[in-house]
Amino acid sequence: MGADPLAAIKALGPSVYHVHAKDTRLEPQALARDGRIEIRPAEDVTHRAWNYVTLGRGHDETWWRGFCQALAASGYDDVLSIEHEDLALPPIDGVTKSVALLRRVIAGSKSSAGRSAGPGEL
């Protein structure tokens, strides 16, 4: 509803213990008309003020890199649970694209330093 996830990570610091990797895209025309409180069903993507999208389709790679760096700076060194709710892509495609984006942005962050990914992790 307009909060900045990066500011929230900074404010919560070491209290962050579980993270969902989930992206949204604001739809400017509907947003101007209706604001951010959305009452339309998720399936009505053409009329909603915002929609869930595959990682990178709402916030770009630079934003996601900053997100992962903010988590690392707060001491978070655990999994990112990908949630796929993008109705424009089949789940396997959306998750594959999300994993690829996260692999790119995490590669240089502190969260991957000195730690190998385990089974089921990126």
C-alpha atoms as a PDB file:
ATOM      1  CA  MET A   1       0.000   0.000   0.000  1.00  0.00           C
ATOM      2  CA  GLY A   2       2.924   2.303  -0.652  1.00  0.00           C
ATOM      3  CA  ALA A   3       5.439   1.226   1.969  1.00  0.00           C
ATOM      4  CA  ASP A   4       9.059   0.963   0.864  1.00  0.00           C
ATOM      5  CA  PRO A   5      10.318  -2.609   1.404  1.00  0.00           C
ATOM      6  CA  LEU A   6      13.917  -1.364   1.600  1.00  0.00           C
ATOM      7  CA  ALA A   7      13.011   1.054   4.398  1.00  0.00           C
ATOM      8  CA  ALA A   8      11.116  -1.743   6.163  1.00  0.00           C
ATOM      9  CA  ILE A   9      14.153  -4.045   5.999  1.00  0.00           C
ATOM     10  CA  LYS A  10      16.325  -1.288   7.450  1.00  0.00           C
ATOM     11  CA  ALA A  11      13.828  -0.578  10.248  1.00  0.00           C
ATOM     12  CA  LEU A  12      13.303  -4.252  11.118  1.00  0.00           C
ATOM     13  CA  GLY A  13      16.984  -5.198  10.899  1.00  0.00           C
ATOM     14  CA  PRO A  14      17.706  -8.561  12.527  1.00  0.00           C
ATOM     15  CA  SER A  15      13.984  -9.126  13.198  1.00  0.00           C
ATOM     16  CA  VAL A  16      13.567 -10.289   9.583  1.00  0.00           C
ATOM     17  CA  TYR A  17      13.380 -14.073   9.753  1.00  0.00           C
ATOM     18  CA  HIS A  18      11.393 -15.077   6.636  1.00  0.00           C
ATOM     19  CA  VAL A  19      11.262 -13.395   3.227  1.00  0.00           C
ATOM     20  CA  HIS A  20       8.906 -13.859   0.312  1.00  0.00           C
ATOM     21  CA  ALA A  21      10.277 -12.819  -3.066  1.00  0.00           C
ATOM     22  CA  LYS A  22       7.188 -11.396  -4.729  1.00  0.00           C
ATOM     23  CA  ASP A  23       6.855  -8.541  -7.196  1.00  0.00           C
ATOM     24  CA  THR A  24       4.043  -6.166  -8.084  1.00  0.00           C
ATOM     25  CA  ARG A  25       3.553  -3.781 -10.956  1.00  0.00           C
ATOM     26  CA  LEU A  26       1.598  -0.556 -10.551  1.00  0.00           C
ATOM     27  CA  GLU A  27      -0.814   0.154 -13.397  1.00  0.00           C
ATOM     28  CA  PRO A  28      -0.730   3.979 -13.756  1.00  0.00           C
ATOM     29  CA  GLN A  29      -4.167   4.644 -15.282  1.00  0.00           C
ATOM     30  CA  ALA A  30      -6.087   2.442 -12.855  1.00  0.00           C
ATOM     31  CA  LEU A  31      -3.910   3.647  -9.980  1.00  0.00           C
ATOM     32  CA  ALA A  32      -4.738   7.292 -10.745  1.00  0.00           C
ATOM     33  CA  ARG A  33      -8.432   6.438 -10.865  1.00  0.00           C
ATOM     34  CA  ASP A  34      -8.710   4.056  -7.893  1.00  0.00           C
ATOM     35  CA  GLY A  35      -5.673   4.442  -5.608  1.00  0.00           C
ATOM     36  CA  ARG A  36      -3.771   1.490  -4.154  1.00  0.00           C
ATOM     37  CA  ILE A  37      -6.533  -0.207  -2.207  1.00  0.00           C
ATOM     38  CA  GLU A  38      -7.552  -2.856  -4.708  1.00  0.00           C
ATOM     39  CA  ILE A  39     -10.926  -4.577  -4.485  1.00  0.00           C
ATOM     40  CA  ARG A  40     -11.037  -6.229  -7.903  1.00  0.00           C
ATOM     41  CA  PRO A  41     -10.244  -9.936  -8.175  1.00  0.00           C
ATOM     42  CA  ALA A  42      -6.682 -10.864  -9.158  1.00  0.00           C
ATOM     43  CA  GLU A  43      -7.997 -12.274 -12.447  1.00  0.00           C
ATOM     44  CA  ASP A  44      -9.166  -8.799 -13.535  1.00  0.00           C
ATOM     45  CA  VAL A  45      -5.619  -7.734 -14.450  1.00  0.00           C
ATOM     46  CA  THR A  46      -6.660  -5.139 -17.031  1.00  0.00           C
ATOM     47  CA  HIS A  47      -8.659  -3.073 -14.536  1.00  0.00           C
ATOM     48  CA  ARG A  48      -6.606  -3.426 -11.338  1.00  0.00           C
ATOM     49  CA  ALA A  49      -4.398  -0.620  -9.955  1.00  0.00           C
ATOM     50  CA  TRP A  50      -1.626  -3.127  -9.301  1.00  0.00           C
ATOM     51  CA  ASN A  51      -0.906  -6.735 -10.219  1.00  0.00           C
ATOM     52  CA  TYR A  52       1.337  -9.489  -8.958  1.00  0.00           C
ATOM     53  CA  VAL A  53       4.020 -10.165 -11.552  1.00  0.00           C
ATOM     54  CA  THR A  54       7.090 -12.329 -12.014  1.00  0.00           C
ATOM     55  CA  LEU A  55      10.220 -10.949 -10.349  1.00  0.00           C
ATOM     56  CA  GLY A  56      11.713  -8.230 -12.535  1.00  0.00           C
ATOM     57  CA  ARG A  57       8.423  -7.312 -14.245  1.00  0.00           C
ATOM     58  CA  GLY A  58       7.463  -4.839 -11.528  1.00  0.00           C
ATOM     59  CA  HIS A  59      10.809  -3.807 -10.032  1.00  0.00           C
ATOM     60  CA  ASP A  60      13.915  -3.964 -12.179  1.00  0.00           C
ATOM     61  CA  GLU A  61      17.090  -5.928 -11.538  1.00  0.00           C
ATOM     62  CA  THR A  62      18.771  -2.937  -9.876  1.00  0.00           C
ATOM     63  CA  TRP A  63      15.939  -2.750  -7.337  1.00  0.00           C
ATOM     64  CA  TRP A  64      16.145  -6.482  -6.602  1.00  0.00           C
ATOM     65  CA  ARG A  65      19.923  -6.219  -6.150  1.00  0.00           C
ATOM     66  CA  GLY A  66      19.347  -3.445  -3.604  1.00  0.00           C
ATOM     67  CA  PHE A  67      16.685  -5.577  -1.897  1.00  0.00           C
ATOM     68  CA  CYS A  68      19.083  -8.523  -1.525  1.00  0.00           C
ATOM     69  CA  GLN A  69      21.901  -6.236  -0.377  1.00  0.00           C
ATOM     70  CA  ALA A  70      19.613  -4.649   2.234  1.00  0.00           C
ATOM     71  CA  LEU A  71      18.706  -8.109   3.526  1.00  0.00           C
ATOM     72  CA  ALA A  72      22.378  -9.085   3.724  1.00  0.00           C
ATOM     73  CA  ALA A  73      23.226  -5.837   5.527  1.00  0.00           C
ATOM     74  CA  SER A  74      20.504  -6.588   8.098  1.00  0.00           C
ATOM     75  CA  GLY A  75      22.061  -9.993   8.760  1.00  0.00           C
ATOM     76  CA  TYR A  76      19.509 -12.064   6.852  1.00  0.00           C
ATOM     77  CA  ASP A  77      21.184 -15.161   5.417  1.00  0.00           C
ATOM     78  CA  ASP A  78      18.355 -17.535   4.658  1.00  0.00           C
ATOM     79  CA  VAL A  79      16.058 -18.495   1.789  1.00  0.00           C
ATOM     80  CA  LEU A  80      13.937 -16.243  -0.398  1.00  0.00           C
ATOM     81  CA  SER A  81      10.581 -17.960  -0.900  1.00  0.00           C
ATOM     82  CA  ILE A  82       9.412 -17.230  -4.429  1.00  0.00           C
ATOM     83  CA  GLU A  83       5.667 -16.693  -4.756  1.00  0.00           C
ATOM     84  CA  HIS A  84       4.362 -16.931  -8.304  1.00  0.00           C
ATOM     85  CA  GLU A  85       1.029 -15.175  -8.795  1.00  0.00           C
ATOM     86  CA  ASP A  86       1.635 -13.700 -12.254  1.00  0.00           C
ATOM     87  CA  LEU A  87      -1.417 -14.665 -14.298  1.00  0.00           C
ATOM     88  CA  ALA A  88       0.366 -13.800 -17.558  1.00  0.00           C
ATOM     89  CA  LEU A  89       2.907 -16.641 -17.257  1.00  0.00           C
ATOM     90  CA  PRO A  90       2.636 -20.339 -16.491  1.00  0.00           C
ATOM     91  CA  PRO A  91       4.083 -21.062 -13.022  1.00  0.00           C
ATOM     92  CA  ILE A  92       7.131 -22.977 -14.322  1.00  0.00           C
ATOM     93  CA  ASP A  93       8.074 -20.057 -16.587  1.00  0.00           C
ATOM     94  CA  GLY A  94       7.542 -17.437 -13.887  1.00  0.00           C
ATOM     95  CA  VAL A  95       9.518 -19.347 -11.268  1.00  0.00           C
ATOM     96  CA  THR A  96      12.320 -20.070 -13.767  1.00  0.00           C
ATOM     97  CA  LYS A  97      12.595 -16.352 -14.614  1.00  0.00           C
ATOM     98  CA  SER A  98      12.447 -15.398 -10.918  1.00  0.00           C
ATOM     99  CA  VAL A  99      15.209 -17.859  -9.991  1.00  0.00           C
ATOM    100  CA  ALA A 100      17.382 -16.553 -12.838  1.00  0.00           C
ATOM    101  CA  LEU A 101      16.937 -12.954 -11.687  1.00  0.00           C
ATOM    102  CA  LEU A 102      17.703 -13.808  -8.058  1.00  0.00           C
ATOM    103  CA  ARG A 103      20.809 -15.781  -9.042  1.00  0.00           C
ATOM    104  CA  ARG A 104      22.115 -12.745 -10.925  1.00  0.00           C
ATOM    105  CA  VAL A 105      21.461 -10.241  -8.148  1.00  0.00           C
ATOM    106  CA  ILE A 106      22.585 -12.453  -5.270  1.00  0.00           C
ATOM    107  CA  ALA A 107      25.830 -13.484  -6.964  1.00  0.00           C
ATOM    108  CA  GLY A 108      27.712 -10.412  -5.713  1.00  0.00           C
ATOM    109  CA  SER A 109      25.896  -9.825  -2.433  1.00  0.00           C
ATOM    110  CA  LYS A 110      27.090 -10.653   1.050  1.00  0.00           C
ATOM    111  CA  SER A 111      24.263 -13.164   1.451  1.00  0.00           C
ATOM    112  CA  SER A 112      26.067 -15.572  -0.868  1.00  0.00           C
ATOM    113  CA  ALA A 113      29.598 -14.991   0.460  1.00  0.00           C
ATOM    114  CA  GLY A 114      31.045 -17.897   2.363  1.00  0.00           C
ATOM    115  CA  ARG A 115      27.931 -20.021   1.998  1.00  0.00           C
ATOM    116  CA  SER A 116      27.014 -22.631  -0.572  1.00  0.00           C
ATOM    117  CA  ALA A 117      23.457 -23.076  -1.698  1.00  0.00           C
ATOM    118  CA  GLY A 118      21.917 -26.219  -0.273  1.00  0.00           C
ATOM    119  CA  PRO A 119      19.357 -28.546  -1.832  1.00  0.00           C
ATOM    120  CA  GLY A 120      16.327 -26.632  -3.020  1.00  0.00           C
ATOM    121  CA  GLU A 121      18.088 -23.273  -2.713  1.00  0.00           C
ATOM    122  CA  LEU A 122      19.133 -20.949  -5.493  1.00  0.00           C
END
